[in-house]
Each structure stands twice: as C-alpha cells, then as structure tokens.
Amino acid sequence: MKFEPTSSTDIPVSNRKSVYPAPFSVQVEGRLKRRLGDHFGLTNFGINLTELVPGAVSALLHHHTRQDEFIYIVSGTPILMLDDREYPLRAGDCCGFKAGNGVAHQLANRTQSPVLYLEIGDRTPDDYATYPNDDLKFTQVAGGGWILTHKDGSSY
C-alpha cells in the first residue's frame, strides 16, 4: 500500500485482462487498466486509468443494480453507448451511471488513436450486472469477487 504521490504511468498495467468468459473476453482484449485505487489500498471505491486501443471496448453493454460508476475522458474520442443511443465524447467529457436505473452503458474506440479515461466505481456489496445484448450475468459474492453465469444461472 502506498501513501506517497505516484505518477499513474509508474503503476503497472494489470495483467488480469478480463473476467469475461469466452466468447466475450475477446471483445475487451484491447483494454488496458492501471488499477490506481488498488495501488493505494482503497477499499470503498475503485479507480482505474483505462486505455482502449483502436477497435476496443470498455466492457460489454451493461448496467449495475447497486454500483454507481463514473467516467472522465482524459484523451481521445470514444463513443458512449447508452442503451441504443450513441454519444461522441472528447477529452474533458464525463458521465455518471446511477445504479439501478436500468440504462446500459459501454465505451467504444472506433478511431485509429488510443482513448484514455478514468473509471470510478463504488464497491457496494450484493451488486449484479445485467447485459441486455448478451447471455451473461455477473453476480457479486462475499469478499467482492464475481460469479459469471448464463442469464438462467447455469455455468459457463
């Protein structure tokens, strides 16, 4: 655990690429995360400095039942999907995603340049994520881990 100021570039990119099962994991292969909150031992919320290489997406289109999320675009021009609507973003733009509102979200990099953004989320227990376009359900378990299943609860 660190207590001194640190350059974000000194925090290594996480070697955990994705918790999504195949065939979904391939969609986020171009997502690189520096887990800033974990570096400082934060437990109430997480902060990631995330890079999307050209063609990459942040996650599958999803929404949470209990976890609020927030993004801030540092550089690049991603597309924000909110359900079936698309919004072009640029550096300095931000958006919050209120838990339980049922509006699914996703960032996509459709450009030839990297996108860099901050993502902040709380760590409220008993959360689950719904994926309206995919047969996938994320359920949080005690201790903060996640179980991934089909929507009917069967295992991958």
N, C-alpha and C. Protein backbone atom coordinates (compact mmCIF):
# COMPACT_ATOMS: atom_id res chain seq x y z
N MET A 1 0.85 -1.17 0.00
CA MET A 1 0.00 0.00 0.00
C MET A 1 0.90 1.23 0.00
N LYS A 2 0.55 2.21 -0.82
CA LYS A 2 1.34 3.42 -0.97
C LYS A 2 0.62 4.60 -0.34
N PHE A 3 1.42 5.55 0.15
CA PHE A 3 0.87 6.76 0.72
C PHE A 3 1.46 8.02 0.09
N GLU A 4 2.47 7.85 -0.77
CA GLU A 4 3.09 8.99 -1.41
C GLU A 4 2.50 9.21 -2.80
N PRO A 5 2.54 10.47 -3.30
CA PRO A 5 2.09 10.71 -4.67
C PRO A 5 2.89 9.85 -5.65
N THR A 6 2.21 9.38 -6.68
CA THR A 6 2.80 8.48 -7.66
C THR A 6 2.32 8.88 -9.05
N SER A 7 3.22 8.81 -10.02
CA SER A 7 2.79 9.01 -11.40
C SER A 7 1.95 7.81 -11.82
N SER A 8 0.83 8.08 -12.48
CA SER A 8 -0.02 6.97 -12.91
C SER A 8 0.72 6.03 -13.84
N THR A 9 1.69 6.54 -14.59
CA THR A 9 2.44 5.67 -15.51
C THR A 9 3.41 4.76 -14.76
N ASP A 10 3.67 5.04 -13.48
CA ASP A 10 4.50 4.15 -12.67
C ASP A 10 3.71 2.98 -12.10
N ILE A 11 2.40 3.05 -12.18
CA ILE A 11 1.54 1.96 -11.73
C ILE A 11 1.37 1.02 -12.91
N PRO A 12 1.76 -0.24 -12.75
CA PRO A 12 1.75 -1.14 -13.91
C PRO A 12 0.35 -1.45 -14.43
N VAL A 13 0.30 -1.73 -15.73
CA VAL A 13 -0.94 -2.20 -16.33
C VAL A 13 -1.26 -3.56 -15.72
N SER A 14 -2.50 -3.76 -15.34
CA SER A 14 -2.91 -5.02 -14.73
C SER A 14 -2.70 -6.17 -15.71
N ASN A 15 -2.20 -7.28 -15.20
CA ASN A 15 -2.04 -8.45 -16.07
C ASN A 15 -3.32 -9.27 -16.14
N ARG A 16 -4.34 -8.88 -15.38
CA ARG A 16 -5.66 -9.52 -15.47
C ARG A 16 -6.41 -8.85 -16.60
N LYS A 17 -6.51 -9.52 -17.71
CA LYS A 17 -7.09 -8.93 -18.91
C LYS A 17 -8.61 -8.82 -18.83
N SER A 18 -9.29 -9.88 -18.39
CA SER A 18 -10.74 -9.86 -18.36
C SER A 18 -11.24 -11.00 -17.49
N VAL A 19 -12.37 -10.78 -16.87
CA VAL A 19 -13.03 -11.86 -16.15
C VAL A 19 -14.16 -12.45 -16.99
N TYR A 20 -14.41 -11.85 -18.16
CA TYR A 20 -15.44 -12.38 -19.05
C TYR A 20 -15.03 -13.76 -19.58
N PRO A 21 -15.98 -14.67 -19.67
CA PRO A 21 -15.69 -15.97 -20.29
C PRO A 21 -15.67 -15.83 -21.82
N ALA A 22 -15.09 -16.82 -22.50
CA ALA A 22 -15.18 -16.89 -23.96
C ALA A 22 -16.66 -17.11 -24.29
N PRO A 23 -17.17 -16.51 -25.29
CA PRO A 23 -16.54 -15.75 -26.36
C PRO A 23 -16.48 -14.25 -26.09
N PHE A 24 -16.91 -13.80 -24.90
CA PHE A 24 -16.99 -12.37 -24.61
C PHE A 24 -15.64 -11.72 -24.35
N SER A 25 -14.68 -12.48 -23.82
CA SER A 25 -13.39 -11.91 -23.43
C SER A 25 -12.64 -11.28 -24.60
N VAL A 26 -12.83 -11.78 -25.81
CA VAL A 26 -12.12 -11.25 -26.97
C VAL A 26 -12.52 -9.80 -27.24
N GLN A 27 -13.71 -9.39 -26.85
CA GLN A 27 -14.18 -8.03 -27.12
C GLN A 27 -13.43 -6.97 -26.32
N VAL A 28 -12.83 -7.35 -25.21
CA VAL A 28 -12.11 -6.37 -24.38
C VAL A 28 -10.60 -6.59 -24.39
N GLU A 29 -10.11 -7.34 -25.36
CA GLU A 29 -8.67 -7.60 -25.42
C GLU A 29 -7.83 -6.34 -25.53
N GLY A 30 -8.35 -5.28 -26.14
CA GLY A 30 -7.61 -4.04 -26.30
C GLY A 30 -7.84 -3.05 -25.17
N ARG A 31 -8.26 -3.53 -24.03
CA ARG A 31 -8.50 -2.68 -22.84
C ARG A 31 -7.35 -2.90 -21.86
N LEU A 32 -6.65 -1.82 -21.52
CA LEU A 32 -5.51 -1.89 -20.60
C LEU A 32 -5.80 -1.05 -19.37
N LYS A 33 -5.75 -1.67 -18.20
CA LYS A 33 -6.13 -0.96 -16.97
C LYS A 33 -4.96 -0.81 -16.02
N ARG A 34 -4.82 0.41 -15.49
CA ARG A 34 -3.94 0.67 -14.37
C ARG A 34 -4.86 0.86 -13.16
N ARG A 35 -4.78 -0.04 -12.21
CA ARG A 35 -5.70 -0.05 -11.07
C ARG A 35 -5.19 0.91 -9.99
N LEU A 36 -5.51 2.20 -10.18
CA LEU A 36 -4.99 3.25 -9.31
C LEU A 36 -5.50 3.10 -7.88
N GLY A 37 -6.78 2.83 -7.70
CA GLY A 37 -7.33 2.67 -6.36
C GLY A 37 -6.70 1.52 -5.61
N ASP A 38 -6.53 0.39 -6.28
CA ASP A 38 -5.90 -0.77 -5.64
C ASP A 38 -4.46 -0.47 -5.24
N HIS A 39 -3.75 0.30 -6.07
CA HIS A 39 -2.36 0.67 -5.77
C HIS A 39 -2.26 1.38 -4.42
N PHE A 40 -3.26 2.19 -4.11
CA PHE A 40 -3.26 2.94 -2.85
C PHE A 40 -4.04 2.25 -1.75
N GLY A 41 -4.51 1.03 -2.00
CA GLY A 41 -5.21 0.26 -0.97
C GLY A 41 -6.63 0.74 -0.69
N LEU A 42 -7.25 1.44 -1.63
CA LEU A 42 -8.61 1.92 -1.42
C LEU A 42 -9.59 0.75 -1.42
N THR A 43 -10.53 0.76 -0.50
CA THR A 43 -11.47 -0.35 -0.39
C THR A 43 -12.92 0.04 -0.62
N ASN A 44 -13.28 1.32 -0.49
CA ASN A 44 -14.67 1.74 -0.65
C ASN A 44 -15.05 1.99 -2.11
N PHE A 45 -14.06 2.33 -2.93
CA PHE A 45 -14.30 2.55 -4.35
C PHE A 45 -13.04 2.24 -5.13
N GLY A 46 -13.22 1.98 -6.42
CA GLY A 46 -12.09 1.69 -7.29
C GLY A 46 -11.92 2.81 -8.31
N ILE A 47 -10.68 3.03 -8.71
CA ILE A 47 -10.36 3.99 -9.76
C ILE A 47 -9.39 3.29 -10.71
N ASN A 48 -9.73 3.29 -11.98
CA ASN A 48 -8.85 2.72 -13.00
C ASN A 48 -8.55 3.79 -14.03
N LEU A 49 -7.29 3.85 -14.44
CA LEU A 49 -6.91 4.62 -15.62
C LEU A 49 -6.87 3.59 -16.74
N THR A 50 -7.81 3.71 -17.67
CA THR A 50 -8.02 2.68 -18.67
C THR A 50 -7.72 3.21 -20.06
N GLU A 51 -6.99 2.42 -20.83
CA GLU A 51 -6.71 2.75 -22.22
C GLU A 51 -7.46 1.77 -23.11
N LEU A 52 -8.10 2.32 -24.14
CA LEU A 52 -8.72 1.49 -25.17
C LEU A 52 -7.93 1.68 -26.44
N VAL A 53 -7.32 0.61 -26.94
CA VAL A 53 -6.62 0.69 -28.21
C VAL A 53 -7.67 0.80 -29.31
N PRO A 54 -7.28 1.21 -30.51
CA PRO A 54 -8.25 1.30 -31.61
C PRO A 54 -9.05 0.00 -31.77
N GLY A 55 -10.36 0.14 -31.85
CA GLY A 55 -11.24 -1.01 -32.01
C GLY A 55 -11.72 -1.66 -30.73
N ALA A 56 -11.18 -1.25 -29.58
CA ALA A 56 -11.52 -1.89 -28.30
C ALA A 56 -12.77 -1.26 -27.68
N VAL A 57 -13.38 -2.03 -26.76
CA VAL A 57 -14.50 -1.53 -25.97
C VAL A 57 -14.15 -1.65 -24.49
N SER A 58 -14.84 -0.85 -23.68
CA SER A 58 -14.58 -0.84 -22.24
C SER A 58 -15.10 -2.09 -21.55
N ALA A 59 -16.24 -2.55 -21.99
CA ALA A 59 -16.93 -3.69 -21.39
C ALA A 59 -18.07 -4.04 -22.34
N LEU A 60 -18.73 -5.14 -22.09
CA LEU A 60 -19.97 -5.39 -22.80
C LEU A 60 -21.00 -4.38 -22.32
N LEU A 61 -21.98 -4.06 -23.14
CA LEU A 61 -23.05 -3.16 -22.75
C LEU A 61 -23.72 -3.73 -21.50
N HIS A 62 -23.75 -2.95 -20.41
CA HIS A 62 -24.23 -3.47 -19.13
C HIS A 62 -24.77 -2.36 -18.23
N HIS A 63 -25.46 -2.77 -17.17
CA HIS A 63 -25.83 -1.87 -16.09
C HIS A 63 -25.78 -2.64 -14.77
N HIS A 64 -25.58 -1.88 -13.69
CA HIS A 64 -25.43 -2.46 -12.35
C HIS A 64 -26.69 -2.20 -11.51
N THR A 65 -26.92 -3.10 -10.56
CA THR A 65 -28.05 -2.94 -9.65
C THR A 65 -27.69 -2.06 -8.45
N ARG A 66 -26.43 -2.11 -8.00
CA ARG A 66 -26.07 -1.39 -6.77
C ARG A 66 -24.83 -0.51 -6.93
N GLN A 67 -24.05 -0.71 -7.95
CA GLN A 67 -22.79 0.02 -8.09
C GLN A 67 -22.95 1.24 -9.00
N ASP A 68 -22.68 2.42 -8.44
CA ASP A 68 -22.59 3.63 -9.25
C ASP A 68 -21.25 3.62 -9.97
N GLU A 69 -21.24 4.18 -11.18
CA GLU A 69 -19.99 4.29 -11.95
C GLU A 69 -19.89 5.70 -12.53
N PHE A 70 -18.66 6.10 -12.81
CA PHE A 70 -18.38 7.43 -13.37
C PHE A 70 -17.18 7.30 -14.29
N ILE A 71 -17.23 8.01 -15.43
CA ILE A 71 -16.07 8.04 -16.33
C ILE A 71 -15.70 9.49 -16.63
N TYR A 72 -14.41 9.70 -16.87
CA TYR A 72 -13.88 11.01 -17.26
C TYR A 72 -12.88 10.76 -18.39
N ILE A 73 -13.10 11.39 -19.54
CA ILE A 73 -12.23 11.17 -20.70
C ILE A 73 -10.99 12.04 -20.56
N VAL A 74 -9.83 11.39 -20.53
CA VAL A 74 -8.54 12.09 -20.43
C VAL A 74 -8.06 12.49 -21.82
N SER A 75 -8.11 11.56 -22.76
CA SER A 75 -7.69 11.85 -24.14
C SER A 75 -8.39 10.90 -25.10
N GLY A 76 -8.48 11.32 -26.35
CA GLY A 76 -9.12 10.51 -27.37
C GLY A 76 -10.58 10.88 -27.54
N THR A 77 -11.22 10.17 -28.46
CA THR A 77 -12.62 10.47 -28.81
C THR A 77 -13.44 9.18 -28.91
N PRO A 78 -13.82 8.61 -27.76
CA PRO A 78 -14.63 7.39 -27.79
C PRO A 78 -16.09 7.71 -28.06
N ILE A 79 -16.85 6.65 -28.29
CA ILE A 79 -18.30 6.72 -28.40
C ILE A 79 -18.87 6.10 -27.13
N LEU A 80 -19.79 6.81 -26.50
CA LEU A 80 -20.50 6.30 -25.35
C LEU A 80 -21.84 5.76 -25.82
N MET A 81 -22.11 4.50 -25.54
CA MET A 81 -23.40 3.90 -25.80
C MET A 81 -24.21 3.91 -24.51
N LEU A 82 -25.42 4.43 -24.59
CA LEU A 82 -26.40 4.37 -23.50
C LEU A 82 -27.63 3.70 -24.09
N ASP A 83 -27.81 2.42 -23.76
CA ASP A 83 -28.82 1.59 -24.40
C ASP A 83 -28.59 1.63 -25.92
N ASP A 84 -29.53 2.14 -26.70
CA ASP A 84 -29.36 2.14 -28.16
C ASP A 84 -28.96 3.52 -28.70
N ARG A 85 -28.58 4.45 -27.81
CA ARG A 85 -28.16 5.78 -28.23
C ARG A 85 -26.64 5.88 -28.18
N GLU A 86 -26.06 6.69 -29.07
CA GLU A 86 -24.60 6.88 -29.12
C GLU A 86 -24.27 8.36 -28.96
N TYR A 87 -23.20 8.61 -28.19
CA TYR A 87 -22.76 9.97 -27.94
C TYR A 87 -21.25 10.05 -28.15
N PRO A 88 -20.78 10.91 -29.05
CA PRO A 88 -19.34 11.10 -29.20
C PRO A 88 -18.80 11.90 -28.02
N LEU A 89 -17.68 11.46 -27.47
CA LEU A 89 -17.05 12.14 -26.33
C LEU A 89 -15.66 12.61 -26.73
N ARG A 90 -15.13 13.55 -25.96
CA ARG A 90 -13.77 14.05 -26.17
C ARG A 90 -13.16 14.36 -24.80
N ALA A 91 -11.87 14.68 -24.79
CA ALA A 91 -11.17 14.97 -23.54
C ALA A 91 -11.92 16.02 -22.74
N GLY A 92 -12.08 15.75 -21.46
CA GLY A 92 -12.79 16.64 -20.56
C GLY A 92 -14.25 16.27 -20.35
N ASP A 93 -14.81 15.43 -21.22
CA ASP A 93 -16.20 14.99 -21.05
C ASP A 93 -16.28 13.94 -19.94
N CYS A 94 -17.43 13.86 -19.31
CA CYS A 94 -17.63 12.87 -18.26
C CYS A 94 -19.08 12.42 -18.25
N CYS A 95 -19.32 11.31 -17.56
CA CYS A 95 -20.68 10.79 -17.44
C CYS A 95 -20.75 9.89 -16.21
N GLY A 96 -21.88 9.94 -15.52
CA GLY A 96 -22.12 9.08 -14.38
C GLY A 96 -23.24 8.10 -14.70
N PHE A 97 -23.14 6.92 -14.10
CA PHE A 97 -24.11 5.86 -14.34
C PHE A 97 -24.68 5.43 -12.98
N LYS A 98 -25.88 5.90 -12.69
CA LYS A 98 -26.55 5.62 -11.42
C LYS A 98 -26.97 4.16 -11.36
N ALA A 99 -26.65 3.53 -10.26
CA ALA A 99 -27.04 2.13 -10.05
C ALA A 99 -28.55 1.98 -10.05
N GLY A 100 -29.01 0.87 -10.61
CA GLY A 100 -30.41 0.53 -10.54
C GLY A 100 -31.32 1.25 -11.51
N ASN A 101 -30.76 2.11 -12.39
CA ASN A 101 -31.65 2.83 -13.31
C ASN A 101 -31.96 2.03 -14.58
N GLY A 102 -31.27 0.92 -14.80
CA GLY A 102 -31.55 0.06 -15.94
C GLY A 102 -31.02 0.54 -17.27
N VAL A 103 -30.25 1.65 -17.28
CA VAL A 103 -29.67 2.16 -18.52
C VAL A 103 -28.29 1.52 -18.70
N ALA A 104 -28.15 0.74 -19.77
CA ALA A 104 -26.88 0.05 -20.03
C ALA A 104 -25.90 1.01 -20.69
N HIS A 105 -24.60 0.80 -20.42
CA HIS A 105 -23.57 1.69 -20.96
C HIS A 105 -22.34 0.91 -21.41
N GLN A 106 -21.57 1.55 -22.30
CA GLN A 106 -20.35 0.97 -22.85
C GLN A 106 -19.60 2.09 -23.57
N LEU A 107 -18.27 2.06 -23.51
CA LEU A 107 -17.43 2.95 -24.32
C LEU A 107 -16.81 2.14 -25.44
N ALA A 108 -16.71 2.73 -26.62
CA ALA A 108 -16.06 2.06 -27.76
C ALA A 108 -15.09 3.04 -28.41
N ASN A 109 -13.93 2.51 -28.78
CA ASN A 109 -12.94 3.32 -29.51
C ASN A 109 -13.00 2.91 -30.98
N ARG A 110 -13.64 3.74 -31.78
CA ARG A 110 -13.77 3.47 -33.21
C ARG A 110 -12.76 4.27 -34.02
N THR A 111 -11.78 4.86 -33.36
CA THR A 111 -10.79 5.69 -34.04
C THR A 111 -9.50 4.90 -34.25
N GLN A 112 -8.51 5.55 -34.84
CA GLN A 112 -7.20 4.95 -35.06
C GLN A 112 -6.20 5.37 -33.99
N SER A 113 -6.67 6.07 -32.95
CA SER A 113 -5.81 6.54 -31.85
C SER A 113 -6.31 5.99 -30.53
N PRO A 114 -5.43 5.83 -29.54
CA PRO A 114 -5.87 5.34 -28.23
C PRO A 114 -6.82 6.31 -27.54
N VAL A 115 -7.65 5.77 -26.67
CA VAL A 115 -8.52 6.54 -25.78
C VAL A 115 -8.04 6.26 -24.37
N LEU A 116 -7.95 7.30 -23.56
CA LEU A 116 -7.55 7.16 -22.16
C LEU A 116 -8.64 7.78 -21.30
N TYR A 117 -9.12 7.05 -20.30
CA TYR A 117 -10.17 7.57 -19.44
C TYR A 117 -10.03 7.03 -18.03
N LEU A 118 -10.59 7.79 -17.09
CA LEU A 118 -10.69 7.33 -15.71
C LEU A 118 -12.06 6.70 -15.52
N GLU A 119 -12.09 5.55 -14.86
CA GLU A 119 -13.36 4.95 -14.48
C GLU A 119 -13.35 4.78 -12.97
N ILE A 120 -14.43 5.19 -12.36
CA ILE A 120 -14.55 5.16 -10.91
C ILE A 120 -15.84 4.43 -10.58
N GLY A 121 -15.75 3.49 -9.67
CA GLY A 121 -16.94 2.74 -9.26
C GLY A 121 -16.88 2.43 -7.79
N ASP A 122 -18.05 2.41 -7.16
CA ASP A 122 -18.06 2.05 -5.75
C ASP A 122 -17.99 0.53 -5.62
N ARG A 123 -17.84 0.08 -4.44
CA ARG A 123 -17.71 -1.37 -4.19
C ARG A 123 -18.83 -1.85 -3.27
N THR A 124 -20.04 -1.38 -3.55
CA THR A 124 -21.20 -1.77 -2.76
C THR A 124 -21.41 -3.28 -2.89
N PRO A 125 -21.56 -3.97 -1.76
CA PRO A 125 -21.78 -5.42 -1.83
C PRO A 125 -23.14 -5.78 -2.43
N ASP A 126 -23.27 -7.03 -2.83
CA ASP A 126 -24.50 -7.62 -3.36
C ASP A 126 -24.94 -7.00 -4.68
N ASP A 127 -23.99 -6.55 -5.47
CA ASP A 127 -24.27 -5.98 -6.78
C ASP A 127 -24.39 -7.11 -7.80
N TYR A 128 -25.12 -6.87 -8.85
CA TYR A 128 -25.00 -7.73 -10.02
C TYR A 128 -25.16 -6.87 -11.26
N ALA A 129 -24.56 -7.33 -12.33
CA ALA A 129 -24.59 -6.60 -13.60
C ALA A 129 -25.42 -7.38 -14.61
N THR A 130 -26.21 -6.66 -15.36
CA THR A 130 -27.05 -7.24 -16.40
C THR A 130 -26.53 -6.81 -17.75
N TYR A 131 -26.52 -7.72 -18.70
CA TYR A 131 -26.04 -7.50 -20.06
C TYR A 131 -27.20 -7.71 -21.02
N PRO A 132 -27.87 -6.62 -21.44
CA PRO A 132 -29.09 -6.78 -22.23
C PRO A 132 -28.89 -7.45 -23.58
N ASN A 133 -27.70 -7.34 -24.18
CA ASN A 133 -27.47 -7.90 -25.51
C ASN A 133 -26.76 -9.25 -25.49
N ASP A 134 -26.40 -9.74 -24.29
CA ASP A 134 -25.60 -10.96 -24.20
C ASP A 134 -26.16 -11.89 -23.12
N ASP A 135 -25.95 -13.18 -23.31
CA ASP A 135 -26.39 -14.19 -22.34
C ASP A 135 -25.33 -14.29 -21.23
N LEU A 136 -25.32 -13.28 -20.37
CA LEU A 136 -24.30 -13.18 -19.34
C LEU A 136 -24.88 -12.46 -18.14
N LYS A 137 -24.52 -12.94 -16.95
CA LYS A 137 -24.90 -12.28 -15.71
C LYS A 137 -23.70 -12.32 -14.77
N PHE A 138 -23.38 -11.18 -14.18
CA PHE A 138 -22.32 -11.05 -13.17
C PHE A 138 -23.00 -10.93 -11.82
N THR A 139 -22.65 -11.76 -10.88
CA THR A 139 -23.19 -11.67 -9.53
C THR A 139 -22.03 -11.53 -8.56
N GLN A 140 -22.09 -10.51 -7.72
CA GLN A 140 -21.04 -10.30 -6.72
C GLN A 140 -21.26 -11.24 -5.55
N VAL A 141 -20.16 -11.79 -5.04
CA VAL A 141 -20.22 -12.69 -3.90
C VAL A 141 -19.48 -12.05 -2.72
N ALA A 142 -19.63 -12.65 -1.55
CA ALA A 142 -18.96 -12.15 -0.35
C ALA A 142 -17.46 -11.98 -0.62
N GLY A 143 -16.90 -10.89 -0.16
CA GLY A 143 -15.49 -10.62 -0.36
C GLY A 143 -15.21 -9.83 -1.62
N GLY A 144 -16.24 -9.55 -2.42
CA GLY A 144 -16.07 -8.70 -3.59
C GLY A 144 -15.81 -9.42 -4.90
N GLY A 145 -15.69 -10.75 -4.87
CA GLY A 145 -15.48 -11.50 -6.11
C GLY A 145 -16.76 -11.56 -6.93
N TRP A 146 -16.63 -12.09 -8.13
CA TRP A 146 -17.76 -12.16 -9.05
C TRP A 146 -17.93 -13.57 -9.59
N ILE A 147 -19.19 -13.98 -9.78
CA ILE A 147 -19.52 -15.24 -10.44
C ILE A 147 -20.16 -14.87 -11.77
N LEU A 148 -19.70 -15.48 -12.84
CA LEU A 148 -20.26 -15.25 -14.16
C LEU A 148 -21.06 -16.46 -14.59
N THR A 149 -22.29 -16.21 -14.98
CA THR A 149 -23.18 -17.30 -15.40
C THR A 149 -23.97 -16.87 -16.63
N HIS A 150 -24.65 -17.82 -17.22
CA HIS A 150 -25.67 -17.51 -18.22
C HIS A 150 -26.81 -16.81 -17.46
N LYS A 151 -27.70 -16.15 -18.18
CA LYS A 151 -28.81 -15.45 -17.53
C LYS A 151 -29.71 -16.41 -16.74
N ASP A 152 -29.77 -17.68 -17.15
CA ASP A 152 -30.59 -18.65 -16.43
C ASP A 152 -29.88 -19.22 -15.20
N GLY A 153 -28.65 -18.75 -14.93
CA GLY A 153 -27.91 -19.19 -13.75
C GLY A 153 -26.96 -20.34 -14.01
N SER A 154 -27.00 -20.94 -15.18
CA SER A 154 -26.10 -22.07 -15.46
C SER A 154 -24.68 -21.54 -15.71
N SER A 155 -23.71 -22.39 -15.41
CA SER A 155 -22.30 -22.02 -15.50
C SER A 155 -21.79 -21.97 -16.93
N TYR A 156 -20.73 -21.18 -17.10
CA TYR A 156 -20.00 -21.17 -18.37
C TYR A 156 -18.95 -22.25 -18.33
